[in-house]
Amino acid sequence: MGRDLVLFRKGNDEVRAFVNAGGIVRSGKGDHVNIKMPNGLLITIPVSGDVKIGLLKAAVKKAGMTEEEFVKFL
C-alpha cells in the first residue's frame, strides 16, 4: 500500500485527511490549524513543515480513528 503513517507528511495533507473524515477547520495560532472532529474533540496540527509520527499518531487516536482508517482518507 503506498501510503502509511511511517513517512513524514506535510501538515496540509494531514489537515485534508481529517477534513475528509468529517472534521471542520477552525483557525489556530500562528501556523497551526484546529480541526473539530465529529466526536467533539479539537485536534491541532501545524500546517507548515512536516508532521512527525508521534504527533500524527496521537491526533489520529484523539480523533477516534485507527491508523488504517486514517490512511484511507489520505
N, C-alpha and C. Protein backbone atom coordinates (compact mmCIF):
# COMPACT_ATOMS: atom_id res chain seq x y z
N MET A 1 0.84 -1.17 0.00
CA MET A 1 0.00 0.00 0.00
C MET A 1 0.89 1.23 0.00
N GLY A 2 0.98 2.06 -0.87
CA GLY A 2 1.94 3.12 -0.95
C GLY A 2 1.93 4.10 0.21
N ARG A 3 0.86 4.23 0.94
CA ARG A 3 0.80 5.23 1.99
C ARG A 3 0.71 4.57 3.35
N ASP A 4 1.49 5.09 4.28
CA ASP A 4 1.40 4.62 5.66
C ASP A 4 1.83 5.75 6.57
N LEU A 5 1.67 5.56 7.86
CA LEU A 5 1.97 6.60 8.83
C LEU A 5 3.45 6.72 9.13
N VAL A 6 4.25 5.82 8.63
CA VAL A 6 5.67 5.85 8.95
C VAL A 6 6.36 7.04 8.29
N LEU A 7 5.90 7.43 7.13
CA LEU A 7 6.52 8.54 6.41
C LEU A 7 6.11 9.88 7.00
N PHE A 8 7.01 10.84 6.92
CA PHE A 8 6.65 12.19 7.32
C PHE A 8 5.78 12.80 6.24
N ARG A 9 4.78 13.53 6.66
CA ARG A 9 3.86 14.14 5.71
C ARG A 9 3.76 15.63 5.99
N LYS A 10 3.37 16.37 5.00
CA LYS A 10 3.14 17.80 5.16
C LYS A 10 1.86 18.01 5.95
N GLY A 11 1.81 19.09 6.70
CA GLY A 11 0.64 19.39 7.52
C GLY A 11 -0.62 19.56 6.70
N ASN A 12 -0.50 20.15 5.50
CA ASN A 12 -1.69 20.35 4.67
C ASN A 12 -2.33 19.02 4.28
N ASP A 13 -1.52 18.00 4.04
CA ASP A 13 -2.06 16.68 3.69
C ASP A 13 -2.84 16.09 4.86
N GLU A 14 -2.29 16.27 6.07
CA GLU A 14 -2.96 15.73 7.26
C GLU A 14 -4.27 16.46 7.52
N VAL A 15 -4.25 17.78 7.37
CA VAL A 15 -5.48 18.56 7.58
C VAL A 15 -6.55 18.11 6.61
N ARG A 16 -6.19 17.93 5.35
CA ARG A 16 -7.14 17.49 4.33
C ARG A 16 -7.73 16.12 4.69
N ALA A 17 -6.90 15.22 5.21
CA ALA A 17 -7.38 13.89 5.58
C ALA A 17 -8.37 13.97 6.73
N PHE A 18 -8.08 14.81 7.74
CA PHE A 18 -9.02 14.96 8.86
C PHE A 18 -10.33 15.60 8.41
N VAL A 19 -10.27 16.53 7.47
CA VAL A 19 -11.49 17.15 6.94
C VAL A 19 -12.29 16.11 6.16
N ASN A 20 -11.63 15.28 5.39
CA ASN A 20 -12.32 14.21 4.66
C ASN A 20 -12.98 13.23 5.61
N ALA A 21 -12.44 13.11 6.82
CA ALA A 21 -13.01 12.21 7.82
C ALA A 21 -14.17 12.86 8.58
N GLY A 22 -14.52 14.09 8.22
CA GLY A 22 -15.66 14.75 8.85
C GLY A 22 -15.32 15.92 9.74
N GLY A 23 -14.06 16.30 9.79
CA GLY A 23 -13.64 17.41 10.64
C GLY A 23 -13.96 18.76 10.02
N ILE A 24 -14.02 19.79 10.87
CA ILE A 24 -14.28 21.16 10.42
C ILE A 24 -13.07 22.00 10.82
N VAL A 25 -12.50 22.71 9.85
CA VAL A 25 -11.31 23.51 10.09
C VAL A 25 -11.68 24.78 10.83
N ARG A 26 -10.93 25.07 11.87
CA ARG A 26 -11.05 26.32 12.63
C ARG A 26 -9.67 26.96 12.67
N SER A 27 -9.65 28.26 12.86
CA SER A 27 -8.36 28.94 12.89
C SER A 27 -7.60 28.60 14.16
N GLY A 28 -6.30 28.68 14.08
CA GLY A 28 -5.45 28.42 15.23
C GLY A 28 -4.43 29.54 15.35
N LYS A 29 -3.48 29.36 16.23
CA LYS A 29 -2.44 30.38 16.41
C LYS A 29 -1.27 30.10 15.48
N GLY A 30 -0.76 31.16 14.90
CA GLY A 30 0.41 31.02 14.05
C GLY A 30 0.17 30.12 12.86
N ASP A 31 1.04 29.13 12.69
CA ASP A 31 0.92 28.22 11.55
C ASP A 31 0.15 26.95 11.90
N HIS A 32 -0.61 26.96 12.98
CA HIS A 32 -1.38 25.80 13.40
C HIS A 32 -2.85 25.95 13.01
N VAL A 33 -3.49 24.83 12.77
CA VAL A 33 -4.92 24.79 12.44
C VAL A 33 -5.60 23.87 13.44
N ASN A 34 -6.76 24.30 13.92
CA ASN A 34 -7.58 23.46 14.80
C ASN A 34 -8.64 22.79 13.94
N ILE A 35 -8.86 21.52 14.18
CA ILE A 35 -9.88 20.76 13.45
C ILE A 35 -10.83 20.18 14.47
N LYS A 36 -12.11 20.55 14.37
CA LYS A 36 -13.11 19.99 15.26
C LYS A 36 -13.66 18.72 14.63
N MET A 37 -13.46 17.61 15.32
CA MET A 37 -13.87 16.32 14.81
C MET A 37 -15.31 16.01 15.20
N PRO A 38 -15.97 15.08 14.51
CA PRO A 38 -17.36 14.74 14.83
C PRO A 38 -17.55 14.26 16.27
N ASN A 39 -16.49 13.73 16.92
CA ASN A 39 -16.64 13.29 18.30
C ASN A 39 -16.55 14.46 19.28
N GLY A 40 -16.37 15.70 18.75
CA GLY A 40 -16.38 16.89 19.58
C GLY A 40 -15.02 17.37 20.05
N LEU A 41 -13.95 16.60 19.78
CA LEU A 41 -12.63 16.98 20.24
C LEU A 41 -11.90 17.82 19.19
N LEU A 42 -11.05 18.72 19.66
CA LEU A 42 -10.24 19.55 18.78
C LEU A 42 -8.87 18.92 18.60
N ILE A 43 -8.40 18.92 17.37
CA ILE A 43 -7.07 18.43 17.04
C ILE A 43 -6.30 19.61 16.47
N THR A 44 -5.10 19.84 16.96
CA THR A 44 -4.26 20.94 16.47
C THR A 44 -3.10 20.36 15.66
N ILE A 45 -2.98 20.83 14.42
CA ILE A 45 -1.95 20.34 13.51
C ILE A 45 -1.20 21.55 12.93
N PRO A 46 0.14 21.51 12.92
CA PRO A 46 0.89 22.57 12.24
C PRO A 46 0.82 22.36 10.73
N VAL A 47 0.56 23.45 9.99
CA VAL A 47 0.43 23.29 8.54
C VAL A 47 1.74 23.53 7.82
N SER A 48 2.70 24.18 8.45
CA SER A 48 3.99 24.37 7.79
C SER A 48 4.95 23.29 8.25
N GLY A 49 5.71 22.78 7.34
CA GLY A 49 6.68 21.74 7.68
C GLY A 49 6.05 20.37 7.76
N ASP A 50 6.86 19.42 8.22
CA ASP A 50 6.42 18.04 8.33
C ASP A 50 5.78 17.78 9.69
N VAL A 51 4.80 16.90 9.71
CA VAL A 51 4.19 16.44 10.95
C VAL A 51 4.89 15.16 11.35
N LYS A 52 5.45 15.13 12.53
CA LYS A 52 6.20 13.95 12.98
C LYS A 52 5.23 12.84 13.38
N ILE A 53 5.73 11.63 13.37
CA ILE A 53 4.91 10.44 13.55
C ILE A 53 4.21 10.40 14.90
N GLY A 54 4.87 10.84 15.97
CA GLY A 54 4.25 10.81 17.29
C GLY A 54 3.05 11.72 17.38
N LEU A 55 3.16 12.93 16.85
CA LEU A 55 2.05 13.87 16.85
C LEU A 55 0.90 13.34 15.99
N LEU A 56 1.24 12.77 14.85
CA LEU A 56 0.21 12.24 13.96
C LEU A 56 -0.54 11.08 14.59
N LYS A 57 0.19 10.15 15.21
CA LYS A 57 -0.48 9.01 15.85
C LYS A 57 -1.38 9.47 16.99
N ALA A 58 -0.93 10.46 17.77
CA ALA A 58 -1.75 10.98 18.86
C ALA A 58 -3.00 11.66 18.33
N ALA A 59 -2.87 12.40 17.22
CA ALA A 59 -4.02 13.08 16.64
C ALA A 59 -5.03 12.09 16.09
N VAL A 60 -4.55 11.04 15.45
CA VAL A 60 -5.45 10.01 14.90
C VAL A 60 -6.20 9.31 16.03
N LYS A 61 -5.50 9.01 17.10
CA LYS A 61 -6.13 8.36 18.25
C LYS A 61 -7.17 9.29 18.89
N LYS A 62 -6.83 10.57 19.01
CA LYS A 62 -7.76 11.54 19.60
C LYS A 62 -9.00 11.72 18.74
N ALA A 63 -8.84 11.57 17.42
CA ALA A 63 -9.97 11.69 16.50
C ALA A 63 -10.88 10.48 16.55
N GLY A 64 -10.45 9.42 17.23
CA GLY A 64 -11.28 8.23 17.34
C GLY A 64 -11.18 7.31 16.15
N MET A 65 -10.07 7.39 15.43
CA MET A 65 -9.87 6.54 14.26
C MET A 65 -8.69 5.61 14.50
N THR A 66 -8.64 4.56 13.72
CA THR A 66 -7.45 3.72 13.70
C THR A 66 -6.52 4.26 12.62
N GLU A 67 -5.28 3.80 12.63
CA GLU A 67 -4.33 4.25 11.60
C GLU A 67 -4.78 3.83 10.22
N GLU A 68 -5.36 2.65 10.10
CA GLU A 68 -5.83 2.15 8.80
C GLU A 68 -6.96 3.02 8.27
N GLU A 69 -7.89 3.43 9.16
CA GLU A 69 -8.98 4.30 8.72
C GLU A 69 -8.44 5.65 8.26
N PHE A 70 -7.45 6.17 8.98
CA PHE A 70 -6.89 7.47 8.61
C PHE A 70 -6.19 7.41 7.27
N VAL A 71 -5.46 6.34 7.00
CA VAL A 71 -4.74 6.21 5.73
C VAL A 71 -5.70 6.22 4.56
N LYS A 72 -6.90 5.70 4.74
CA LYS A 72 -7.89 5.71 3.66
C LYS A 72 -8.30 7.13 3.25
N PHE A 73 -8.20 8.08 4.19
CA PHE A 73 -8.59 9.46 3.90
C PHE A 73 -7.46 10.28 3.30
N LEU A 74 -6.24 9.75 3.24
CA LEU A 74 -5.11 10.49 2.66
C LEU A 74 -5.24 10.60 1.16
